[in-house]
Amino acid sequence: MKQHLQHPVFKTISALATEQQVEAYAIGGFVRDIFLHRTSKDIDVVVIGNGIHFAEAVARKLNVKVSVFKSFGTAMLKYQDVEVEFVGARKESYRSQSRKPIVENGTLDDDQKRRDFTINALAIALHGAEYGELIDPFGGMADLESKLIRTPLNPEETFSDDPLRMMRAIRFASQLNFIIDKKAIDAIKLNKDRINIVSQERVTDELNKIILSNQPSVGFKYLLDTGLLKIIFPQMAALHGVEVVNGRGHKDNFYHTLQVLDNISATTNDLWLRWSAILHDIAKPATKRFEAGHGWTFHGHEDKGARWVPKLFAQLKLPLNDRMKFVQKLVQLHMRPIVLTQEIVTDSAVRRLLFEAGDDIESLMLLCKADITTKNEFKVKKYRQNFELVQQKLKDVEERDRVRNWQPPITGNDIMKIFGLKEGREVGIIKSKIREAILEGEISNDYDAALKFTIEKGQEIGLKVVENSK
């Protein structure tokens, strides 16, 4: 193990621990990641004794500042390219109505028992003759080999004490592509309602980490199967299931959504683009109808879904800023490129899409490509060829007409000046007509053409050009 302790910070910790006759151990994610062949810049150190005092002594040796968090009993310092957090070994007990533990001083064994999973309970000694020795009392190494998420102690007690660990179990399974132990799954099902004592911010933080994993569907399937999804995100859980009428069923929109999410995750790490994949069909259960002779329809699900986005972001404590608006826009527009692939692509339709999508057009096209989940290879090939046609058309029209993030060549102020008007209905009517004429290709996107058109349309509704308006 000593080969993994080459960073100079370990030499200082070891020398000080030996000098003070203190036991110190690297523990948790840093140790786990050694065996997963992942680089970790965050090191947790458990000290048998006062972790804050030991951290302060280490900081003096390294000549760096230390941040002390007395209420948590921890201290943290940065040295070169790593962050090291120190804490005294602890044992914990919990009250049923809170996930905040009662903390007492403890031994290394106590500290390892309070860890969430066996793979996070691994420790490496950093002191004296034991330097570099691996301490693995709960079979964490075997679980790493088996790719298994398991708790050190009884999982029912582990998850009841701190219900956020249920989300963490699923997050680690999703990030590492591990399997959760059956006893742990059963314990999550039993304790799922305890998630309600955890703040929404902490739940959403874990949810976002699941979404950012390489294959988020792994985590979402666990969330659904354990019943957690119905509690933390009922609108997504409602996508699950197939209804059959007269022998005709629709596809399961939950598993379709997961495939879209995995598809887009293969092309981007953008959290908000991944959220747009999660929410693109979120209103399908609310718009589902069976039409005799036709089958299942979900008319208007994109409009309703877009209207839901602000409410869902507020519910999940996600940011209500431009990121929310980005997701809302993509949910609103996600059907538009697909429609363009199914019919003759007109310049007018492409202009409108460019106008409405603006700088998010590339993200929209990524989402729409990810939305092709049919297993029919002929359809996949056809859709992809049509998408290439649409993308070329988007490029051609944008180069010629410059309608992305388009601003009209004649503004509302110009219209008021031309006709001697104050703000009002007539100004809005003419602005709308200019926009429609340019998007339909009736006039070119330049000032002279728009001015001539403005005067014509104004005169049609009884307006007169005032002198010196040009």
Protein backbone atom coordinates (compact mmCIF):
# COMPACT_ATOMS: atom_id res chain seq x y z
CA MET A 1 0.00 0.00 0.00
CA LYS A 2 2.94 2.36 0.58
CA GLN A 3 3.28 2.96 -3.17
CA HIS A 4 -0.09 4.76 -3.05
CA LEU A 5 1.10 7.12 -0.29
CA GLN A 6 3.74 8.97 -2.30
CA HIS A 7 2.23 12.44 -1.90
CA PRO A 8 4.46 14.51 0.46
CA VAL A 9 1.50 15.31 2.74
CA PHE A 10 1.54 11.68 3.94
CA LYS A 11 5.18 11.95 5.00
CA THR A 12 4.35 14.94 7.21
CA ILE A 13 1.25 13.29 8.70
CA SER A 14 3.19 10.10 9.39
CA ALA A 15 6.14 11.89 11.03
CA LEU A 16 3.83 13.95 13.26
CA ALA A 17 1.66 10.96 14.20
CA THR A 18 4.74 8.96 15.16
CA GLU A 19 6.19 11.91 17.07
CA GLN A 20 2.94 12.48 19.01
CA GLN A 21 2.27 8.74 19.37
CA VAL A 22 -1.10 9.26 17.71
CA GLU A 23 -2.88 6.79 15.43
CA ALA A 24 -3.92 8.32 12.10
CA TYR A 25 -5.58 6.62 9.15
CA ALA A 26 -6.53 7.55 5.59
CA ILE A 27 -10.10 6.36 5.17
CA GLY A 28 -13.07 6.41 2.84
CA GLY A 29 -13.15 7.54 -0.78
CA PHE A 30 -9.40 8.09 -1.19
CA VAL A 31 -8.68 4.49 -0.18
CA ARG A 32 -11.58 3.09 -2.20
CA ASP A 33 -10.46 4.95 -5.31
CA ILE A 34 -6.97 3.46 -5.12
CA PHE A 35 -8.49 0.07 -5.91
CA LEU A 36 -10.84 1.50 -8.52
CA HIS A 37 -7.80 3.04 -10.25
CA ARG A 38 -9.28 6.51 -9.89
CA THR A 39 -7.32 9.59 -8.90
CA SER A 40 -8.63 11.34 -5.80
CA LYS A 41 -7.55 14.79 -4.62
CA ASP A 42 -9.66 14.63 -1.43
CA ILE A 43 -8.14 12.75 1.51
CA ASP A 44 -10.03 12.00 4.72
CA VAL A 45 -7.87 11.31 7.77
CA VAL A 46 -9.25 9.82 11.00
CA VAL A 47 -7.24 10.48 14.15
CA ILE A 48 -7.67 8.48 17.35
CA GLY A 49 -7.93 11.54 19.55
CA ASN A 50 -8.44 15.21 18.76
CA GLY A 51 -8.59 15.57 14.98
CA ILE A 52 -8.67 19.39 15.04
CA HIS A 53 -5.54 19.70 17.21
CA PHE A 54 -3.72 17.21 15.00
CA ALA A 55 -4.76 19.10 11.84
CA GLU A 56 -3.50 22.36 13.31
CA ALA A 57 -0.14 20.73 14.06
CA VAL A 58 0.08 19.35 10.51
CA ALA A 59 -0.75 22.79 9.10
CA ARG A 60 2.07 24.37 11.15
CA LYS A 61 4.55 21.80 9.82
CA LEU A 62 3.42 22.46 6.22
CA ASN A 63 3.15 26.21 6.75
CA VAL A 64 -0.41 26.34 5.38
CA LYS A 65 -3.71 27.65 6.72
CA VAL A 66 -6.23 25.34 8.33
CA SER A 67 -10.02 25.78 8.34
CA VAL A 68 -11.69 24.56 11.53
CA PHE A 69 -15.36 23.51 11.71
CA LYS A 70 -15.90 23.05 15.43
CA SER A 71 -19.60 22.19 15.17
CA PHE A 72 -18.65 19.21 12.97
CA GLY A 73 -15.45 18.40 14.83
CA THR A 74 -13.43 18.61 11.62
CA ALA A 75 -10.57 20.65 10.16
CA MET A 76 -9.41 20.97 6.56
CA LEU A 77 -6.23 22.13 4.89
CA LYS A 78 -5.03 22.44 1.31
CA TYR A 79 -1.50 21.40 0.42
CA GLN A 80 -0.20 21.45 -3.13
CA ASP A 81 -2.92 19.71 -5.21
CA VAL A 82 -4.85 17.94 -2.44
CA GLU A 83 -7.41 18.78 0.24
CA VAL A 84 -7.06 16.90 3.52
CA GLU A 85 -9.87 16.74 6.07
CA PHE A 86 -9.12 15.60 9.62
CA VAL A 87 -11.59 14.27 12.16
CA GLY A 88 -11.33 12.45 15.45
CA ALA A 89 -12.57 8.85 15.45
CA ARG A 90 -16.23 8.83 16.41
CA LYS A 91 -19.11 6.62 17.30
CA GLU A 92 -22.63 7.78 16.59
CA SER A 93 -26.20 7.23 17.74
CA TYR A 94 -29.38 8.59 16.19
CA ARG A 95 -32.84 9.82 17.14
CA SER A 96 -35.70 8.59 14.96
CA GLN A 97 -36.84 12.07 13.88
CA SER A 98 -33.41 13.32 12.75
CA ARG A 99 -30.50 12.18 10.63
CA LYS A 100 -28.10 14.26 12.75
CA PRO A 101 -26.20 11.89 15.04
CA ILE A 102 -25.20 12.18 18.67
CA VAL A 103 -21.41 11.97 18.42
CA GLU A 104 -18.94 10.59 20.98
CA ASN A 105 -15.21 9.90 20.83
CA GLY A 106 -14.47 6.41 19.60
CA THR A 107 -11.97 3.94 18.23
CA LEU A 108 -11.06 3.18 14.62
CA ASP A 109 -13.44 0.23 14.83
CA ASP A 110 -16.25 2.56 15.96
CA ASP A 111 -15.47 4.94 13.12
CA GLN A 112 -15.45 2.20 10.48
CA LYS A 113 -18.76 0.84 11.79
CA ARG A 114 -20.44 4.24 11.28
CA ARG A 115 -19.40 4.37 7.59
CA ASP A 116 -22.16 4.03 5.04
CA PHE A 117 -20.74 1.18 2.91
CA THR A 118 -18.03 -1.45 3.25
CA ILE A 119 -16.11 0.00 0.30
CA ASN A 120 -15.99 3.35 2.13
CA ALA A 121 -14.86 1.78 5.43
CA LEU A 122 -11.42 0.79 4.11
CA ALA A 123 -8.54 2.45 5.99
CA ILE A 124 -4.76 2.72 5.61
CA ALA A 125 -2.55 3.32 8.66
CA LEU A 126 -0.38 6.45 8.47
CA HIS A 127 1.63 6.05 11.70
CA GLY A 128 4.66 4.23 13.04
CA ALA A 129 5.43 0.63 12.16
CA GLU A 130 1.89 0.10 10.88
CA TYR A 131 2.37 2.72 8.11
CA GLY A 132 0.77 1.49 4.87
CA GLU A 133 -1.22 -1.34 6.49
CA LEU A 134 -4.75 -1.86 5.07
CA ILE A 135 -7.53 -2.29 7.64
CA ASP A 136 -10.62 -3.95 6.15
CA PRO A 137 -12.88 -5.37 8.91
CA PHE A 138 -16.06 -5.64 6.80
CA GLY A 139 -14.89 -7.21 3.54
CA GLY A 140 -14.74 -4.00 1.53
CA MET A 141 -12.01 -5.37 -0.74
CA ALA A 142 -14.13 -8.42 -1.59
CA ASP A 143 -17.08 -6.13 -2.33
CA LEU A 144 -14.93 -4.03 -4.66
CA GLU A 145 -13.98 -7.22 -6.48
CA SER A 146 -17.63 -8.32 -6.64
CA LYS A 147 -18.81 -4.80 -7.56
CA LEU A 148 -21.22 -4.84 -4.63
CA ILE A 149 -22.70 -2.03 -2.51
CA ARG A 150 -23.18 -3.35 1.04
CA THR A 151 -23.42 -1.74 4.48
CA PRO A 152 -20.94 -2.59 7.28
CA LEU A 153 -23.75 -3.19 9.79
CA ASN A 154 -27.43 -4.13 9.54
CA PRO A 155 -28.72 -2.15 6.51
CA GLU A 156 -32.13 -1.54 8.11
CA GLU A 157 -30.42 0.26 10.98
CA THR A 158 -27.95 2.02 8.66
CA PHE A 159 -30.68 3.46 6.42
CA SER A 160 -33.09 4.25 9.25
CA ASP A 161 -30.35 6.17 11.11
CA ASP A 162 -29.39 8.25 8.06
CA PRO A 163 -31.93 7.92 5.22
CA LEU A 164 -29.74 9.91 2.82
CA ARG A 165 -27.56 6.78 2.68
CA MET A 166 -30.32 5.16 0.60
CA MET A 167 -29.76 7.78 -2.10
CA ARG A 168 -26.00 7.42 -1.71
CA ALA A 169 -26.22 3.63 -2.19
CA ILE A 170 -28.06 4.16 -5.46
CA ARG A 171 -25.71 6.96 -6.49
CA PHE A 172 -22.62 4.78 -5.97
CA ALA A 173 -24.26 1.91 -7.85
CA SER A 174 -24.94 4.27 -10.75
CA GLN A 175 -21.52 5.95 -10.72
CA LEU A 176 -19.54 2.71 -10.36
CA ASN A 177 -21.94 0.39 -12.19
CA PHE A 178 -22.13 -1.78 -9.05
CA ILE A 179 -24.98 -3.95 -7.79
CA ILE A 180 -26.68 -3.16 -4.48
CA ASP A 181 -26.79 -6.07 -2.03
CA LYS A 182 -30.25 -7.68 -1.78
CA LYS A 183 -30.47 -7.10 1.98
CA ALA A 184 -29.70 -3.43 1.37
CA ILE A 185 -32.38 -3.23 -1.34
CA ASP A 186 -34.93 -4.76 1.01
CA ALA A 187 -33.89 -2.30 3.73
CA ILE A 188 -34.33 0.66 1.37
CA LYS A 189 -37.83 -0.55 0.47
CA LEU A 190 -38.63 -0.86 4.16
CA ASN A 191 -37.22 2.57 5.08
CA LYS A 192 -38.09 4.53 1.94
CA ASP A 193 -40.53 6.87 3.70
CA ARG A 194 -37.71 7.98 6.03
CA ILE A 195 -36.30 9.97 3.09
CA ASN A 196 -38.89 12.61 4.03
CA ILE A 197 -36.75 13.74 6.99
CA VAL A 198 -33.88 14.64 4.62
CA SER A 199 -33.79 18.15 3.14
CA GLN A 200 -34.79 18.45 -0.51
CA GLU A 201 -31.43 20.09 -1.28
CA ARG A 202 -29.49 17.02 -0.08
CA VAL A 203 -31.79 14.64 -1.98
CA THR A 204 -31.48 16.67 -5.18
CA ASP A 205 -27.69 16.84 -4.81
CA GLU A 206 -27.57 13.02 -4.85
CA LEU A 207 -30.10 12.92 -7.69
CA ASN A 208 -27.90 15.22 -9.79
CA LYS A 209 -24.90 12.98 -9.14
CA ILE A 210 -26.93 10.01 -10.41
CA ILE A 211 -27.89 12.03 -13.48
CA LEU A 212 -24.22 12.87 -14.12
CA SER A 213 -23.08 9.24 -13.97
CA ASN A 214 -22.04 7.51 -17.20
CA GLN A 215 -25.24 5.47 -17.35
CA PRO A 216 -27.89 7.24 -15.26
CA SER A 217 -30.54 4.62 -16.03
CA VAL A 218 -28.84 2.28 -13.52
CA GLY A 219 -29.66 4.67 -10.68
CA PHE A 220 -33.16 5.52 -11.86
CA LYS A 221 -34.14 1.85 -12.13
CA TYR A 222 -33.07 1.38 -8.51
CA LEU A 223 -35.01 4.51 -7.50
CA LEU A 224 -38.12 3.13 -9.18
CA ASP A 225 -37.76 -0.45 -7.91
CA THR A 226 -37.21 0.61 -4.28
CA GLY A 227 -40.16 3.03 -4.27
CA LEU A 228 -37.95 6.06 -3.60
CA LEU A 229 -38.71 7.68 -6.96
CA LYS A 230 -42.43 7.87 -6.22
CA ILE A 231 -41.59 9.84 -3.07
CA ILE A 232 -38.84 12.16 -4.30
CA PHE A 233 -39.99 12.67 -7.91
CA PRO A 234 -43.57 11.35 -8.36
CA GLN A 235 -44.01 12.96 -11.79
CA MET A 236 -41.21 10.82 -13.20
CA ALA A 237 -42.50 7.69 -11.48
CA ALA A 238 -45.87 8.35 -13.17
CA LEU A 239 -44.22 7.74 -16.56
CA HIS A 240 -43.88 4.07 -15.66
CA GLY A 241 -46.34 1.52 -16.95
CA VAL A 242 -48.26 0.54 -20.07
CA GLU A 243 -52.01 0.85 -20.48
CA VAL A 244 -53.76 -1.44 -22.96
CA VAL A 245 -57.13 -0.70 -24.61
CA ASN A 246 -58.63 -2.97 -27.26
CA GLY A 247 -55.37 -4.87 -27.42
CA ARG A 248 -53.33 -1.74 -28.14
CA GLY A 249 -50.73 -0.48 -25.72
CA HIS A 250 -48.32 2.47 -25.76
CA LYS A 251 -44.62 2.25 -25.00
CA ASP A 252 -43.48 2.54 -21.39
CA ASN A 253 -42.52 6.20 -21.23
CA PHE A 254 -40.35 5.69 -18.14
CA TYR A 255 -38.00 3.27 -19.86
CA HIS A 256 -38.12 5.36 -23.05
CA THR A 257 -37.03 8.39 -20.99
CA LEU A 258 -34.18 6.41 -19.46
CA GLN A 259 -32.97 5.37 -22.91
CA VAL A 260 -33.09 9.00 -24.10
CA LEU A 261 -31.17 10.00 -20.95
CA ASP A 262 -28.51 7.33 -21.53
CA ASN A 263 -28.30 8.28 -25.21
CA ILE A 264 -27.69 11.94 -24.48
CA SER A 265 -25.30 11.10 -21.63
CA ALA A 266 -23.09 9.36 -24.18
CA THR A 267 -22.66 12.70 -25.99
CA THR A 268 -22.61 15.35 -23.23
CA ASN A 269 -21.83 15.90 -19.54
CA ASP A 270 -24.10 18.96 -19.44
CA LEU A 271 -26.37 18.45 -16.41
CA TRP A 272 -29.13 20.68 -17.82
CA LEU A 273 -29.17 18.97 -21.19
CA ARG A 274 -29.55 15.70 -19.29
CA TRP A 275 -32.41 17.25 -17.29
CA SER A 276 -34.08 18.20 -20.58
CA ALA A 277 -33.95 14.51 -21.55
CA ILE A 278 -35.57 13.55 -18.22
CA LEU A 279 -38.36 16.10 -18.61
CA HIS A 280 -38.99 16.01 -22.37
CA ASP A 281 -41.96 13.62 -22.03
CA ILE A 282 -42.85 14.36 -18.40
CA ALA A 283 -46.43 15.46 -19.27
CA LYS A 284 -47.30 12.38 -21.32
CA PRO A 285 -49.33 10.74 -18.50
CA ALA A 286 -51.39 13.94 -18.21
CA THR A 287 -52.05 14.16 -21.97
CA LYS A 288 -52.56 10.46 -22.71
CA ARG A 289 -55.73 9.66 -24.69
CA PHE A 290 -56.97 6.60 -26.56
CA GLU A 291 -58.58 7.39 -29.91
CA ALA A 292 -60.63 4.62 -31.49
CA GLY A 293 -59.23 3.59 -34.84
CA HIS A 294 -55.99 5.44 -34.19
CA GLY A 295 -54.52 4.37 -30.85
CA TRP A 296 -52.76 6.26 -28.10
CA THR A 297 -52.00 9.97 -28.43
CA PHE A 298 -50.13 12.48 -26.26
CA HIS A 299 -51.17 15.69 -28.02
CA GLY A 300 -49.68 18.82 -26.50
CA HIS A 301 -47.40 17.01 -24.06
CA GLU A 302 -44.51 19.29 -25.02
CA ASP A 303 -46.53 22.45 -24.24
CA LYS A 304 -47.84 21.13 -20.93
CA GLY A 305 -44.41 19.76 -20.03
CA ALA A 306 -42.79 23.15 -20.68
CA ARG A 307 -45.39 24.80 -18.42
CA TRP A 308 -44.56 22.27 -15.69
CA VAL A 309 -40.79 22.89 -15.76
CA PRO A 310 -40.70 25.95 -13.41
CA LYS A 311 -42.94 24.16 -10.89
CA LEU A 312 -40.81 20.99 -11.03
CA PHE A 313 -37.58 22.96 -10.62
CA ALA A 314 -39.05 24.74 -7.59
CA GLN A 315 -40.24 21.43 -6.13
CA LEU A 316 -36.79 19.85 -6.53
CA LYS A 317 -34.95 23.00 -5.35
CA LEU A 318 -33.20 23.32 -8.71
CA PRO A 319 -32.14 26.82 -9.84
CA LEU A 320 -34.96 29.01 -11.16
CA ASN A 321 -32.70 30.94 -13.54
CA ASP A 322 -31.46 30.67 -17.11
CA ARG A 323 -30.77 26.95 -16.60
CA MET A 324 -34.45 26.36 -15.89
CA LYS A 325 -35.38 28.44 -18.95
CA PHE A 326 -32.96 26.41 -21.08
CA VAL A 327 -34.61 23.14 -20.01
CA GLN A 328 -38.07 24.66 -20.49
CA LYS A 329 -37.19 25.77 -24.03
CA LEU A 330 -35.89 22.33 -25.01
CA VAL A 331 -38.95 20.57 -23.57
CA GLN A 332 -41.16 23.01 -25.51
CA LEU A 333 -39.31 22.53 -28.81
CA HIS A 334 -38.24 18.88 -28.69
CA MET A 335 -40.91 17.71 -31.16
CA ARG A 336 -40.14 20.35 -33.77
CA PRO A 337 -37.02 18.87 -35.43
CA ILE A 338 -38.64 15.43 -35.36
CA VAL A 339 -41.64 16.82 -37.26
CA LEU A 340 -39.27 18.36 -39.80
CA THR A 341 -37.76 14.95 -40.49
CA GLN A 342 -41.16 13.55 -41.40
CA GLU A 343 -42.15 16.04 -44.08
CA ILE A 344 -40.68 18.25 -46.78
CA VAL A 345 -38.41 20.69 -44.97
CA THR A 346 -39.42 24.23 -45.91
CA ASP A 347 -37.23 27.28 -45.38
CA SER A 348 -40.07 28.84 -43.40
CA ALA A 349 -40.20 25.97 -40.90
CA VAL A 350 -36.43 26.03 -40.49
CA ARG A 351 -36.41 29.81 -39.97
CA ARG A 352 -39.02 29.50 -37.23
CA LEU A 353 -37.03 26.78 -35.48
CA LEU A 354 -33.84 28.85 -35.64
CA PHE A 355 -35.71 31.93 -34.40
CA GLU A 356 -37.22 30.12 -31.41
CA ALA A 357 -34.21 27.97 -30.47
CA GLY A 358 -31.55 30.66 -30.92
CA ASP A 359 -28.14 29.62 -29.60
CA ASP A 360 -29.66 26.44 -28.11
CA ILE A 361 -30.32 24.90 -31.53
CA GLU A 362 -27.33 22.51 -31.29
CA SER A 363 -28.48 21.32 -27.84
CA LEU A 364 -31.99 20.84 -29.19
CA MET A 365 -30.70 18.72 -32.06
CA LEU A 366 -28.66 16.58 -29.62
CA LEU A 367 -31.81 15.98 -27.57
CA CYS A 368 -33.84 15.07 -30.65
CA LYS A 369 -31.23 12.61 -31.87
CA ALA A 370 -31.18 11.02 -28.42
CA ASP A 371 -34.98 10.73 -28.63
CA ILE A 372 -34.70 8.15 -31.45
CA THR A 373 -35.16 4.97 -29.42
CA THR A 374 -36.92 2.68 -31.89
CA LYS A 375 -35.42 -0.79 -32.29
CA ASN A 376 -36.42 -0.77 -35.98
CA GLU A 377 -33.08 -0.33 -37.75
CA PHE A 378 -34.76 0.88 -40.95
CA LYS A 379 -36.55 3.67 -39.05
CA VAL A 380 -33.37 4.62 -37.18
CA LYS A 381 -31.45 4.91 -40.46
CA LYS A 382 -34.25 6.93 -42.04
CA TYR A 383 -34.57 9.32 -39.10
CA ARG A 384 -30.82 9.88 -38.94
CA GLN A 385 -30.61 10.61 -42.66
CA ASN A 386 -33.49 13.07 -42.33
CA PHE A 387 -31.79 14.70 -39.34
CA GLU A 388 -28.68 15.24 -41.45
CA LEU A 389 -30.92 16.90 -44.05
CA VAL A 390 -32.47 19.16 -41.40
CA GLN A 391 -29.06 20.08 -39.96
CA GLN A 392 -27.76 21.02 -43.41
CA LYS A 393 -30.89 23.07 -44.00
CA LEU A 394 -30.41 24.81 -40.63
CA LYS A 395 -26.86 25.71 -41.62
CA ASP A 396 -27.86 26.96 -45.08
CA VAL A 397 -30.80 29.06 -43.87
CA GLU A 398 -28.80 30.54 -40.97
CA GLU A 399 -25.96 31.56 -43.27
CA ARG A 400 -28.40 33.21 -45.69
CA ASP A 401 -31.08 34.71 -43.44
CA ARG A 402 -29.30 35.21 -40.09
CA VAL A 403 -32.38 34.50 -37.97
CA ARG A 404 -30.71 32.86 -34.98
CA ASN A 405 -31.23 35.22 -31.99
CA TRP A 406 -32.96 37.43 -34.51
CA GLN A 407 -33.81 41.03 -33.74
CA PRO A 408 -36.25 42.73 -36.17
CA PRO A 409 -34.67 45.29 -38.55
CA ILE A 410 -37.60 47.60 -37.70
CA THR A 411 -38.21 48.01 -33.96
CA GLY A 412 -41.28 49.12 -32.07
CA ASN A 413 -39.69 52.54 -31.59
CA ASP A 414 -39.15 52.79 -35.36
CA ILE A 415 -42.83 52.00 -36.00
CA MET A 416 -43.97 54.66 -33.52
CA LYS A 417 -41.68 57.18 -35.17
CA ILE A 418 -42.79 56.31 -38.75
CA PHE A 419 -46.50 56.71 -37.97
CA GLY A 420 -46.35 59.18 -35.08
CA LEU A 421 -47.81 56.61 -32.66
CA LYS A 422 -47.62 55.98 -28.93
CA GLU A 423 -47.21 52.45 -27.55
CA GLY A 424 -50.30 50.42 -28.33
CA ARG A 425 -52.07 47.69 -30.25
CA GLU A 426 -51.13 48.95 -33.73
CA VAL A 427 -47.40 48.76 -32.94
CA GLY A 428 -47.76 45.14 -31.79
CA ILE A 429 -49.76 44.19 -34.90
CA ILE A 430 -47.15 45.60 -37.28
CA LYS A 431 -44.21 44.06 -35.35
CA SER A 432 -45.93 40.68 -35.55
CA LYS A 433 -46.53 41.07 -39.29
CA ILE A 434 -42.85 41.96 -39.90
CA ARG A 435 -41.70 38.91 -37.96
CA GLU A 436 -44.08 36.59 -39.79
CA ALA A 437 -43.14 38.02 -43.22
CA ILE A 438 -39.42 37.48 -42.60
CA LEU A 439 -39.89 33.99 -41.15
CA GLU A 440 -42.15 33.03 -44.06
CA GLY A 441 -39.61 34.40 -46.55
CA GLU A 442 -42.01 37.01 -47.94
CA ILE A 443 -39.43 39.77 -47.42
CA SER A 444 -35.68 39.69 -46.85
CA ASN A 445 -34.20 40.21 -43.40
CA ASP A 446 -32.94 43.78 -43.93
CA TYR A 447 -33.97 47.33 -43.02
CA ASP A 448 -35.07 48.60 -46.45
CA ALA A 449 -37.34 45.64 -47.19
CA ALA A 450 -38.80 45.76 -43.68
CA LEU A 451 -39.38 49.54 -43.89
CA LYS A 452 -41.29 49.25 -47.18
CA PHE A 453 -43.36 46.38 -45.74
CA THR A 454 -44.04 48.36 -42.54
CA ILE A 455 -45.41 51.36 -44.45
CA GLU A 456 -47.64 49.10 -46.58
CA LYS A 457 -49.09 47.26 -43.58
CA GLY A 458 -49.57 50.48 -41.62
CA GLN A 459 -51.48 52.07 -44.46
CA GLU A 460 -53.69 48.94 -44.71
CA ILE A 461 -54.93 49.55 -41.16
CA GLY A 462 -55.42 53.30 -41.74
CA LEU A 463 -52.11 54.69 -40.49
CA LYS A 464 -50.31 57.54 -42.22
CA VAL A 465 -46.58 58.17 -42.47
CA VAL A 466 -45.66 61.36 -40.67
CA GLU A 467 -43.24 63.80 -42.28
CA ASN A 468 -39.51 63.45 -41.51
CA SER A 469 -40.07 59.92 -40.20
CA LYS A 470 -37.33 58.34 -42.31
